């Protein structure tokens, strides 16, 4: 039994990483805050705990309830698209303001604002529910009893490991981002990611054939 639990935990860890390690709004935000060394611990903890809560909901069998609500999914998608587009515009504006491009002690974002932004990236993205609640919850159904809990625990550990590695590992890139040009490239890339994600949400939820 212990071997079965260990195997399920490893599967959960690897599956969780496959869903989390991708270029996205949340990861781009954590990367930038890690480079700035602003509120890194709190933001990484918020991301990881949010994932843990959503994974628990999915493994608990509530994924089908989320997937069944077309109206709720669409509302979240449109709100998320608007937020991503706005943040992309902010990133573009930042790219053309060299005074804001300092690796340490830069813009000085308040903790409250950083937390609000982090929560928006986390919960205004309908794909986070698809990944953690529906998809991961569905895969966990292939395990039973303690093995299922082990699968969930592995996915949670993967989330904690990734976000803290990203947030604190970003400082290794400090020499590169000592130059304003590097910050400009990063913010342009972040803006491109935000706009692309916003557009994908709009297209996905306005495509012909989708039920209203």
Protein backbone atom coordinates (compact mmCIF):
# COMPACT_ATOMS: atom_id res chain seq x y z
CA UNK A 1 0.00 0.00 0.00
CA UNK A 2 2.81 2.42 0.88
CA UNK A 3 4.37 1.83 -2.55
CA UNK A 4 1.02 2.52 -4.19
CA UNK A 5 0.67 5.80 -2.26
CA UNK A 6 4.23 6.82 -3.16
CA UNK A 7 3.59 6.08 -6.83
CA UNK A 8 0.35 8.10 -6.77
CA UNK A 9 2.12 10.98 -5.04
CA UNK A 10 4.83 11.02 -7.68
CA UNK A 11 2.19 10.94 -10.41
CA UNK A 12 0.38 13.84 -8.78
CA UNK A 13 3.62 15.81 -8.49
CA UNK A 14 4.54 15.32 -12.14
CA UNK A 15 1.01 15.93 -13.38
CA UNK A 16 0.75 19.06 -11.24
CA UNK A 17 4.01 20.40 -12.64
CA UNK A 18 2.85 19.74 -16.19
CA UNK A 19 -0.15 21.99 -15.57
CA UNK A 20 1.65 24.73 -13.61
CA UNK A 21 4.95 25.12 -15.48
CA UNK A 22 3.80 27.13 -18.47
CA UNK A 23 4.06 30.70 -19.70
CA UNK A 24 1.04 32.39 -18.20
CA UNK A 25 -0.17 35.52 -16.47
CA UNK A 26 0.35 34.24 -12.94
CA UNK A 27 3.86 32.94 -13.60
CA UNK A 28 4.85 36.15 -15.41
CA UNK A 29 3.64 38.20 -12.43
CA UNK A 30 5.55 36.07 -9.90
CA UNK A 31 8.68 36.25 -12.06
CA UNK A 32 8.55 40.04 -12.18
CA UNK A 33 7.91 40.37 -8.44
CA UNK A 34 10.78 37.97 -7.80
CA UNK A 35 13.10 40.13 -9.86
CA UNK A 36 11.92 43.20 -7.95
CA UNK A 37 12.15 41.27 -4.64
CA UNK A 38 8.79 42.66 -3.60
CA UNK A 39 6.47 40.62 -1.33
CA UNK A 40 7.83 37.39 -2.81
CA UNK A 41 7.02 35.08 0.10
CA UNK A 42 3.45 36.32 0.52
CA UNK A 43 2.67 36.15 -3.21
CA UNK A 44 4.18 32.70 -3.66
CA UNK A 45 2.24 31.49 -0.63
CA UNK A 46 -1.01 32.91 -2.02
CA UNK A 47 -0.49 31.16 -5.37
CA UNK A 48 0.42 27.83 -3.78
CA UNK A 49 -2.38 27.90 -1.19
CA UNK A 50 -4.91 28.89 -3.86
CA UNK A 51 -3.81 25.93 -5.96
CA UNK A 52 -4.02 23.67 -2.91
CA UNK A 53 -7.59 24.78 -2.21
CA UNK A 54 -8.66 24.29 -5.83
CA UNK A 55 -6.96 20.89 -5.99
CA UNK A 56 -8.79 19.86 -2.83
CA UNK A 57 -12.08 20.93 -4.40
CA UNK A 58 -11.33 18.96 -7.56
CA UNK A 59 -10.19 15.82 -5.77
CA UNK A 60 -13.24 16.12 -3.52
CA UNK A 61 -15.41 15.55 -6.59
CA UNK A 62 -16.74 19.04 -7.24
CA UNK A 63 -15.13 19.45 -10.67
CA UNK A 64 -18.30 18.52 -12.49
CA UNK A 65 -20.22 21.31 -10.73
CA UNK A 66 -17.78 23.93 -11.98
CA UNK A 67 -17.70 22.52 -15.49
CA UNK A 68 -21.50 22.43 -15.66
CA UNK A 69 -21.97 26.16 -15.04
CA UNK A 70 -21.73 27.70 -18.49
CA UNK A 71 -22.87 31.13 -17.25
CA UNK A 72 -20.34 31.27 -14.42
CA UNK A 73 -17.54 30.13 -16.73
CA UNK A 74 -18.40 32.79 -19.29
CA UNK A 75 -18.59 35.57 -16.68
CA UNK A 76 -15.21 34.61 -15.27
CA UNK A 77 -13.77 34.44 -18.78
CA UNK A 78 -14.91 37.95 -19.73
CA UNK A 79 -13.79 39.43 -16.41
CA UNK A 80 -10.44 37.67 -16.79
CA UNK A 81 -10.02 38.92 -20.37
CA UNK A 82 -10.69 42.52 -19.29
CA UNK A 83 -8.22 42.25 -16.42
CA UNK A 84 -5.51 40.65 -18.57
CA UNK A 85 -5.91 43.30 -21.26
CA UNK A 86 -5.66 46.10 -18.67
CA UNK A 87 -2.55 44.58 -17.08
CA UNK A 88 -1.01 44.13 -20.54
CA UNK A 89 -1.56 47.82 -21.22
CA UNK A 90 0.11 48.66 -17.90
CA UNK A 91 3.09 46.46 -18.81
CA UNK A 92 3.43 48.24 -22.16
CA UNK A 93 3.35 51.62 -20.43
CA UNK A 94 5.99 50.38 -17.98
CA UNK A 95 8.21 49.33 -20.88
CA UNK A 96 8.43 52.93 -22.02
CA UNK A 97 9.13 54.37 -18.57
CA UNK A 98 12.78 53.66 -17.73
CA UNK A 99 12.40 55.21 -14.27
CA UNK A 100 10.21 52.28 -13.26
CA UNK A 101 12.76 49.68 -14.36
CA UNK A 102 14.88 49.05 -11.30
CA UNK A 103 15.64 45.58 -10.05
CA UNK A 104 15.62 46.60 -6.40
CA UNK A 105 13.48 49.21 -4.77
CA UNK A 106 11.75 49.93 -8.05
CA UNK A 107 8.14 50.91 -8.36
CA UNK A 108 7.45 50.00 -4.72
CA UNK A 109 4.12 48.23 -5.21
CA UNK A 110 2.18 48.10 -1.95
CA UNK A 111 1.45 44.73 -0.40
CA UNK A 112 -2.31 45.24 -0.71
CA UNK A 113 -2.07 46.06 -4.42
CA UNK A 114 0.29 43.14 -5.08
CA UNK A 115 -2.01 40.71 -3.26
CA UNK A 116 -5.09 42.00 -5.12
CA UNK A 117 -3.30 41.61 -8.45
CA UNK A 118 -2.11 38.12 -7.56
CA UNK A 119 -5.61 37.02 -6.53
CA UNK A 120 -7.03 38.44 -9.77
CA UNK A 121 -4.51 36.49 -11.87
CA UNK A 122 -5.40 33.37 -9.91
CA UNK A 123 -9.19 33.45 -9.77
CA UNK A 124 -10.15 35.45 -12.88
CA UNK A 125 -8.60 32.83 -15.14
CA UNK A 126 -11.18 30.15 -16.02
CA UNK A 127 -8.38 27.83 -17.12
CA UNK A 128 -7.18 27.52 -13.53
CA UNK A 129 -10.49 25.85 -12.69
CA UNK A 130 -10.22 23.60 -15.73
CA UNK A 131 -6.68 22.56 -14.80
CA UNK A 132 -6.87 22.16 -11.04
CA UNK A 133 -10.53 21.41 -10.36
CA UNK A 134 -11.79 19.60 -13.46
CA UNK A 135 -8.72 18.04 -15.09
CA UNK A 136 -6.62 17.21 -12.05
CA UNK A 137 -9.72 16.25 -10.07
CA UNK A 138 -10.77 13.94 -12.87
CA UNK A 139 -7.38 12.25 -13.11
CA UNK A 140 -7.32 11.75 -9.34
CA UNK A 141 -10.50 9.68 -9.68
CA UNK A 142 -8.31 6.93 -11.11
CA UNK A 143 -6.89 6.40 -7.63
CA UNK A 144 -8.72 5.16 -4.57
CA UNK A 145 -8.52 5.86 -0.85
CA UNK A 146 -5.15 6.97 0.45
CA UNK A 147 -3.62 6.77 -3.02
CA UNK A 148 -6.01 9.49 -4.15
CA UNK A 149 -4.97 11.66 -1.24
CA UNK A 150 -1.35 10.94 -2.14
CA UNK A 151 -2.00 12.09 -5.71
CA UNK A 152 -3.52 15.33 -4.43
CA UNK A 153 -0.65 15.86 -2.00
CA UNK A 154 1.88 15.39 -4.79
CA UNK A 155 0.13 18.02 -6.92
CA UNK A 156 0.06 20.45 -3.99
CA UNK A 157 3.78 19.92 -3.33
CA UNK A 158 4.46 20.58 -7.02
CA UNK A 159 2.63 23.90 -6.78
CA UNK A 160 4.57 25.01 -3.69
CA UNK A 161 7.88 23.90 -5.19
CA UNK A 162 7.26 25.69 -8.49
CA UNK A 163 6.05 29.04 -7.20
CA UNK A 164 8.76 29.39 -4.55
CA UNK A 165 11.44 28.27 -7.02
CA UNK A 166 10.17 30.83 -9.54
CA UNK A 167 9.81 33.65 -7.04
CA UNK A 168 13.16 33.22 -5.30
CA UNK A 169 15.04 31.82 -8.28
CA UNK A 170 14.28 34.96 -10.28
CA UNK A 171 17.00 36.82 -8.35
CA UNK A 172 19.60 34.69 -10.12
CA UNK A 173 18.74 36.75 -13.20
CA UNK A 174 19.54 40.02 -11.41
CA UNK A 175 22.77 40.65 -13.40
CA UNK A 176 20.78 40.47 -16.64
CA UNK A 177 18.09 42.81 -15.34
CA UNK A 178 20.60 45.39 -14.12
CA UNK A 179 20.08 46.95 -17.55
CA UNK A 180 16.89 48.93 -18.31
CA UNK A 181 16.77 47.31 -21.77
CA UNK A 182 16.23 43.89 -20.16
CA UNK A 183 13.27 45.21 -18.16
CA UNK A 184 11.85 46.72 -21.33
CA UNK A 185 12.05 43.34 -23.09
CA UNK A 186 10.48 41.57 -20.10
CA UNK A 187 7.57 43.99 -19.88
CA UNK A 188 6.93 43.81 -23.62
CA UNK A 189 6.95 40.01 -23.36
CA UNK A 190 4.58 40.16 -20.38
CA UNK A 191 2.25 42.47 -22.31
CA UNK A 192 2.29 40.07 -25.26
CA UNK A 193 1.41 37.15 -22.98
CA UNK A 194 -1.43 39.11 -21.34
CA UNK A 195 -2.90 40.23 -24.67
CA UNK A 196 -2.64 36.72 -26.13
CA UNK A 197 -4.36 35.17 -23.11
CA UNK A 198 -7.09 37.84 -23.13
CA UNK A 199 -7.70 37.29 -26.84
CA UNK A 200 -7.82 33.52 -26.40
CA UNK A 201 -10.46 33.87 -23.68
CA UNK A 202 -12.58 36.17 -25.85
CA UNK A 203 -12.31 33.89 -28.89
CA UNK A 204 -12.97 30.75 -26.87
CA UNK A 205 -16.13 32.14 -25.29
CA UNK A 206 -17.55 33.83 -28.39
CA UNK A 207 -16.85 31.04 -30.88
CA UNK A 208 -19.79 29.84 -32.98
CA UNK A 209 -21.38 26.70 -31.71
CA UNK A 210 -20.97 27.49 -28.03
CA UNK A 211 -24.21 27.40 -26.14
CA UNK A 212 -25.16 30.77 -24.59
